[in-house]
N, C-alpha and C. Protein backbone atom coordinates (compact mmCIF):
# COMPACT_ATOMS: atom_id res chain seq x y z
N THR A 1 -7.26 -18.63 -6.22
CA THR A 1 -7.83 -18.32 -7.53
C THR A 1 -6.87 -18.73 -8.63
N ARG A 2 -7.36 -18.73 -9.84
CA ARG A 2 -6.53 -19.13 -10.97
C ARG A 2 -5.42 -18.11 -11.26
N LEU A 3 -5.72 -16.84 -11.10
CA LEU A 3 -4.69 -15.82 -11.32
C LEU A 3 -3.56 -15.99 -10.31
N ARG A 4 -3.91 -16.30 -9.09
CA ARG A 4 -2.89 -16.54 -8.06
C ARG A 4 -2.01 -17.73 -8.45
N GLN A 5 -2.62 -18.78 -9.00
CA GLN A 5 -1.84 -19.95 -9.40
C GLN A 5 -0.88 -19.61 -10.54
N ILE A 6 -1.32 -18.79 -11.48
CA ILE A 6 -0.45 -18.36 -12.58
C ILE A 6 0.77 -17.62 -12.02
N VAL A 7 0.51 -16.65 -11.14
CA VAL A 7 1.60 -15.86 -10.55
C VAL A 7 2.53 -16.76 -9.74
N THR A 8 1.95 -17.61 -8.89
CA THR A 8 2.75 -18.50 -8.04
C THR A 8 3.64 -19.41 -8.87
N ASN A 9 3.08 -20.03 -9.90
CA ASN A 9 3.87 -20.95 -10.72
C ASN A 9 5.02 -20.23 -11.42
N LEU A 10 4.76 -19.04 -11.96
CA LEU A 10 5.82 -18.31 -12.65
C LEU A 10 6.91 -17.83 -11.69
N VAL A 11 6.50 -17.34 -10.53
CA VAL A 11 7.49 -16.86 -9.55
C VAL A 11 8.31 -18.02 -8.99
N GLU A 12 7.65 -19.12 -8.64
CA GLU A 12 8.38 -20.28 -8.12
C GLU A 12 9.38 -20.80 -9.15
N ASN A 13 8.97 -20.84 -10.40
CA ASN A 13 9.85 -21.30 -11.47
C ASN A 13 11.07 -20.37 -11.59
N ALA A 14 10.82 -19.07 -11.53
CA ALA A 14 11.93 -18.10 -11.61
C ALA A 14 12.88 -18.26 -10.43
N LEU A 15 12.34 -18.46 -9.23
CA LEU A 15 13.19 -18.62 -8.05
C LEU A 15 14.05 -19.87 -8.13
N ILE A 16 13.49 -20.94 -8.67
CA ILE A 16 14.25 -22.19 -8.82
C ILE A 16 15.46 -22.00 -9.73
N HIS A 17 15.28 -21.20 -10.78
CA HIS A 17 16.32 -21.07 -11.80
C HIS A 17 17.19 -19.81 -11.66
N THR A 18 17.06 -19.12 -10.54
CA THR A 18 17.84 -17.90 -10.32
C THR A 18 18.80 -18.12 -9.15
N PRO A 19 20.07 -17.77 -9.33
CA PRO A 19 21.02 -17.94 -8.22
C PRO A 19 20.68 -17.01 -7.05
N LYS A 20 21.22 -17.33 -5.88
CA LYS A 20 20.92 -16.56 -4.67
C LYS A 20 21.25 -15.08 -4.81
N ASP A 21 22.27 -14.74 -5.59
CA ASP A 21 22.62 -13.33 -5.77
C ASP A 21 21.91 -12.70 -6.96
N GLY A 22 20.99 -13.43 -7.58
CA GLY A 22 20.22 -12.92 -8.71
C GLY A 22 18.96 -12.22 -8.25
N SER A 23 18.10 -11.89 -9.21
CA SER A 23 16.85 -11.21 -8.85
C SER A 23 15.69 -11.73 -9.69
N VAL A 24 14.51 -11.61 -9.09
CA VAL A 24 13.26 -11.93 -9.76
C VAL A 24 12.38 -10.70 -9.62
N VAL A 25 11.83 -10.23 -10.73
CA VAL A 25 11.00 -9.03 -10.74
C VAL A 25 9.64 -9.37 -11.31
N VAL A 26 8.59 -8.98 -10.59
CA VAL A 26 7.21 -9.15 -11.06
C VAL A 26 6.65 -7.77 -11.34
N ASP A 27 6.09 -7.61 -12.53
CA ASP A 27 5.50 -6.33 -12.92
C ASP A 27 4.08 -6.60 -13.40
N ILE A 28 3.11 -5.93 -12.80
CA ILE A 28 1.71 -6.12 -13.18
C ILE A 28 1.11 -4.76 -13.46
N SER A 29 0.45 -4.64 -14.61
CA SER A 29 -0.25 -3.40 -14.93
C SER A 29 -1.59 -3.76 -15.55
N GLY A 30 -2.56 -2.92 -15.31
CA GLY A 30 -3.89 -3.18 -15.83
C GLY A 30 -4.52 -1.93 -16.39
N SER A 31 -5.47 -2.15 -17.27
CA SER A 31 -6.25 -1.07 -17.85
C SER A 31 -7.60 -1.66 -18.22
N THR A 32 -8.45 -0.84 -18.82
CA THR A 32 -9.74 -1.36 -19.25
C THR A 32 -9.58 -2.44 -20.30
N GLY A 33 -8.45 -2.43 -21.00
CA GLY A 33 -8.19 -3.44 -22.02
C GLY A 33 -7.77 -4.78 -21.47
N GLY A 34 -7.35 -4.82 -20.22
CA GLY A 34 -6.95 -6.09 -19.63
C GLY A 34 -5.77 -5.94 -18.69
N LEU A 35 -5.08 -7.04 -18.49
CA LEU A 35 -3.98 -7.09 -17.54
C LEU A 35 -2.74 -7.61 -18.24
N GLU A 36 -1.60 -6.99 -17.92
CA GLU A 36 -0.32 -7.48 -18.42
C GLU A 36 0.57 -7.75 -17.21
N MET A 37 1.15 -8.93 -17.18
CA MET A 37 2.03 -9.30 -16.09
C MET A 37 3.30 -9.90 -16.67
N SER A 38 4.44 -9.51 -16.11
CA SER A 38 5.69 -10.13 -16.52
C SER A 38 6.44 -10.58 -15.28
N VAL A 39 7.11 -11.72 -15.41
CA VAL A 39 7.99 -12.24 -14.37
C VAL A 39 9.34 -12.42 -15.03
N SER A 40 10.32 -11.65 -14.56
CA SER A 40 11.67 -11.67 -15.14
C SER A 40 12.66 -12.15 -14.10
N ASP A 41 13.67 -12.89 -14.55
CA ASP A 41 14.72 -13.32 -13.63
C ASP A 41 16.08 -13.14 -14.27
N THR A 42 17.09 -13.20 -13.44
CA THR A 42 18.48 -13.10 -13.90
C THR A 42 19.16 -14.46 -13.79
N GLY A 43 18.39 -15.49 -14.06
CA GLY A 43 18.91 -16.86 -13.99
C GLY A 43 19.73 -17.22 -15.22
N ALA A 44 19.91 -18.51 -15.40
CA ALA A 44 20.76 -19.03 -16.47
C ALA A 44 20.17 -18.84 -17.86
N GLY A 45 18.87 -18.59 -17.94
CA GLY A 45 18.23 -18.48 -19.25
C GLY A 45 17.87 -19.84 -19.80
N ILE A 46 17.19 -19.83 -20.92
CA ILE A 46 16.71 -21.06 -21.57
C ILE A 46 17.32 -21.12 -22.95
N SER A 47 17.88 -22.26 -23.30
CA SER A 47 18.52 -22.40 -24.61
C SER A 47 17.48 -22.36 -25.72
N SER A 48 17.92 -22.00 -26.91
CA SER A 48 17.01 -21.95 -28.06
C SER A 48 16.49 -23.34 -28.40
N THR A 49 17.20 -24.38 -28.01
CA THR A 49 16.74 -25.76 -28.22
C THR A 49 15.56 -26.08 -27.31
N ASP A 50 15.62 -25.61 -26.07
CA ASP A 50 14.57 -25.91 -25.09
C ASP A 50 13.36 -24.98 -25.22
N LEU A 51 13.56 -23.78 -25.69
CA LEU A 51 12.51 -22.77 -25.70
C LEU A 51 11.20 -23.22 -26.35
N PRO A 52 11.21 -23.88 -27.51
CA PRO A 52 9.95 -24.27 -28.14
C PRO A 52 9.14 -25.29 -27.32
N ARG A 53 9.80 -25.99 -26.40
CA ARG A 53 9.12 -27.05 -25.64
C ARG A 53 8.82 -26.65 -24.20
N ILE A 54 9.11 -25.43 -23.83
CA ILE A 54 9.05 -25.01 -22.44
C ILE A 54 7.66 -25.18 -21.80
N PHE A 55 6.60 -25.12 -22.60
CA PHE A 55 5.24 -25.27 -22.07
C PHE A 55 4.72 -26.70 -22.21
N ASP A 56 5.52 -27.62 -22.74
CA ASP A 56 5.10 -29.02 -22.90
C ASP A 56 4.97 -29.70 -21.54
N GLN A 57 3.93 -30.52 -21.43
CA GLN A 57 3.70 -31.25 -20.19
C GLN A 57 4.89 -32.16 -19.87
N PHE A 58 5.35 -32.14 -18.63
CA PHE A 58 6.44 -32.95 -18.09
C PHE A 58 7.82 -32.58 -18.63
N TYR A 59 7.93 -31.51 -19.42
CA TYR A 59 9.23 -31.14 -19.98
C TYR A 59 10.07 -30.40 -18.94
N ARG A 60 11.32 -30.77 -18.85
CA ARG A 60 12.27 -30.10 -17.96
C ARG A 60 13.51 -29.76 -18.76
N THR A 61 14.02 -28.56 -18.58
CA THR A 61 15.24 -28.17 -19.31
C THR A 61 16.45 -28.89 -18.77
N ASP A 62 16.40 -29.29 -17.50
CA ASP A 62 17.52 -30.00 -16.86
C ASP A 62 17.12 -31.46 -16.70
N PRO A 63 17.67 -32.36 -17.52
CA PRO A 63 17.27 -33.76 -17.46
C PRO A 63 17.62 -34.46 -16.14
N SER A 64 18.49 -33.87 -15.33
CA SER A 64 18.83 -34.48 -14.05
C SER A 64 17.75 -34.24 -13.00
N ARG A 65 16.84 -33.30 -13.26
CA ARG A 65 15.75 -33.03 -12.32
C ARG A 65 14.64 -34.04 -12.53
N ASN A 66 14.03 -34.44 -11.43
CA ASN A 66 12.87 -35.32 -11.52
C ASN A 66 11.85 -34.88 -10.48
N ARG A 67 10.80 -35.64 -10.33
CA ARG A 67 9.73 -35.24 -9.41
C ARG A 67 10.23 -35.06 -7.98
N VAL A 68 11.19 -35.88 -7.57
CA VAL A 68 11.72 -35.80 -6.21
C VAL A 68 12.64 -34.59 -6.05
N THR A 69 13.48 -34.32 -7.06
CA THR A 69 14.48 -33.27 -6.93
C THR A 69 14.07 -31.93 -7.52
N GLY A 70 12.97 -31.88 -8.26
CA GLY A 70 12.67 -30.59 -8.88
C GLY A 70 11.33 -30.46 -9.55
N GLY A 71 10.27 -30.93 -8.94
CA GLY A 71 8.94 -30.72 -9.49
C GLY A 71 8.53 -31.76 -10.50
N ALA A 72 7.29 -31.61 -10.95
CA ALA A 72 6.70 -32.59 -11.85
C ALA A 72 6.80 -32.20 -13.31
N GLY A 73 7.30 -31.01 -13.61
CA GLY A 73 7.36 -30.56 -14.99
C GLY A 73 6.00 -30.13 -15.51
N LEU A 74 5.14 -29.66 -14.60
CA LEU A 74 3.78 -29.27 -14.98
C LEU A 74 3.49 -27.78 -14.80
N GLY A 75 4.32 -27.07 -14.06
CA GLY A 75 4.03 -25.68 -13.71
C GLY A 75 3.76 -24.77 -14.89
N LEU A 76 4.63 -24.80 -15.89
CA LEU A 76 4.44 -23.92 -17.05
C LEU A 76 3.31 -24.39 -17.94
N THR A 77 3.06 -25.70 -17.99
CA THR A 77 1.92 -26.23 -18.73
C THR A 77 0.63 -25.71 -18.11
N ILE A 78 0.56 -25.75 -16.79
CA ILE A 78 -0.63 -25.26 -16.08
C ILE A 78 -0.81 -23.77 -16.33
N VAL A 79 0.27 -23.00 -16.28
CA VAL A 79 0.19 -21.56 -16.56
C VAL A 79 -0.42 -21.34 -17.93
N LYS A 80 0.11 -22.00 -18.93
CA LYS A 80 -0.37 -21.80 -20.31
C LYS A 80 -1.85 -22.16 -20.43
N ARG A 81 -2.25 -23.28 -19.85
CA ARG A 81 -3.66 -23.70 -19.94
C ARG A 81 -4.59 -22.73 -19.23
N LEU A 82 -4.20 -22.26 -18.06
CA LEU A 82 -5.04 -21.31 -17.33
C LEU A 82 -5.16 -19.98 -18.08
N VAL A 83 -4.05 -19.49 -18.58
CA VAL A 83 -4.06 -18.23 -19.32
C VAL A 83 -4.94 -18.35 -20.56
N GLU A 84 -4.77 -19.42 -21.32
CA GLU A 84 -5.57 -19.61 -22.54
C GLU A 84 -7.05 -19.81 -22.22
N ALA A 85 -7.36 -20.45 -21.08
CA ALA A 85 -8.75 -20.64 -20.68
C ALA A 85 -9.44 -19.31 -20.41
N HIS A 86 -8.66 -18.29 -20.11
CA HIS A 86 -9.19 -16.95 -19.88
C HIS A 86 -9.03 -16.05 -21.10
N GLY A 87 -8.73 -16.64 -22.25
CA GLY A 87 -8.63 -15.88 -23.49
C GLY A 87 -7.35 -15.10 -23.63
N GLY A 88 -6.34 -15.44 -22.85
CA GLY A 88 -5.09 -14.70 -22.86
C GLY A 88 -3.97 -15.43 -23.56
N THR A 89 -2.79 -14.83 -23.47
CA THR A 89 -1.59 -15.42 -24.06
C THR A 89 -0.45 -15.36 -23.05
N VAL A 90 0.47 -16.30 -23.17
CA VAL A 90 1.70 -16.28 -22.38
C VAL A 90 2.85 -16.49 -23.35
N THR A 91 3.87 -15.64 -23.23
CA THR A 91 5.04 -15.76 -24.09
C THR A 91 6.29 -15.77 -23.21
N VAL A 92 7.38 -16.22 -23.81
CA VAL A 92 8.64 -16.27 -23.08
C VAL A 92 9.75 -15.72 -23.96
N ALA A 93 10.62 -14.93 -23.36
CA ALA A 93 11.82 -14.43 -24.03
C ALA A 93 12.99 -14.77 -23.12
N SER A 94 14.05 -15.32 -23.69
CA SER A 94 15.17 -15.73 -22.86
C SER A 94 16.48 -15.64 -23.62
N ARG A 95 17.52 -15.33 -22.86
CA ARG A 95 18.88 -15.32 -23.41
C ARG A 95 19.75 -16.10 -22.44
N PRO A 96 20.35 -17.19 -22.93
CA PRO A 96 21.23 -17.96 -22.06
C PRO A 96 22.30 -17.07 -21.42
N GLY A 97 22.46 -17.24 -20.12
CA GLY A 97 23.43 -16.45 -19.36
C GLY A 97 22.91 -15.11 -18.89
N GLU A 98 21.72 -14.71 -19.33
CA GLU A 98 21.18 -13.40 -18.95
C GLU A 98 19.86 -13.46 -18.21
N GLY A 99 19.06 -14.46 -18.47
CA GLY A 99 17.78 -14.57 -17.77
C GLY A 99 16.61 -14.78 -18.70
N THR A 100 15.43 -14.78 -18.09
CA THR A 100 14.19 -15.12 -18.79
C THR A 100 13.08 -14.19 -18.34
N THR A 101 12.17 -13.88 -19.27
CA THR A 101 10.97 -13.12 -18.95
C THR A 101 9.76 -13.82 -19.53
N PHE A 102 8.79 -14.11 -18.66
CA PHE A 102 7.49 -14.62 -19.08
C PHE A 102 6.52 -13.46 -19.03
N THR A 103 5.72 -13.30 -20.10
CA THR A 103 4.74 -12.22 -20.16
C THR A 103 3.35 -12.82 -20.37
N VAL A 104 2.43 -12.44 -19.51
CA VAL A 104 1.05 -12.91 -19.58
C VAL A 104 0.17 -11.72 -19.93
N LEU A 105 -0.68 -11.89 -20.94
CA LEU A 105 -1.66 -10.88 -21.31
C LEU A 105 -3.04 -11.49 -21.14
N LEU A 106 -3.88 -10.86 -20.31
CA LEU A 106 -5.25 -11.32 -20.11
C LEU A 106 -6.20 -10.21 -20.51
N PRO A 107 -7.21 -10.53 -21.32
CA PRO A 107 -8.14 -9.49 -21.76
C PRO A 107 -9.03 -9.03 -20.61
N GLY A 108 -9.52 -7.78 -20.73
CA GLY A 108 -10.48 -7.28 -19.75
C GLY A 108 -11.82 -7.95 -19.97
N ARG A 109 -12.71 -7.79 -19.02
CA ARG A 109 -14.04 -8.38 -19.14
C ARG A 109 -14.83 -7.64 -20.21
N GLN A 110 -15.52 -8.42 -21.01
CA GLN A 110 -16.38 -7.84 -22.04
C GLN A 110 -17.75 -7.58 -21.43
N THR A 111 -18.31 -6.40 -21.71
CA THR A 111 -19.63 -6.09 -21.16
C THR A 111 -20.70 -6.17 -22.21
């Protein structure tokens, strides 16, 4: 399902950027108003220079990574498009040296 792809992409991205002794935490909560999910890691974080472009298609924060060594640069673009297609939002907060948190908000079904 699309929700599974959103979760998978965010978790895989966090695992790639988190050292072996670091941690990745997924928190999901729901109510009649919708669903809130966050994926947080204790990785290197994202610089303020890279942050505005993090959802751009094919963008990679590490220029040495390419399709062979580190994905196609599409995971976060796909997350954003899927979330927005469901009327939701995805945001990112990051501090270099401390880690990153992606937060997804999806509205509940309207009756």
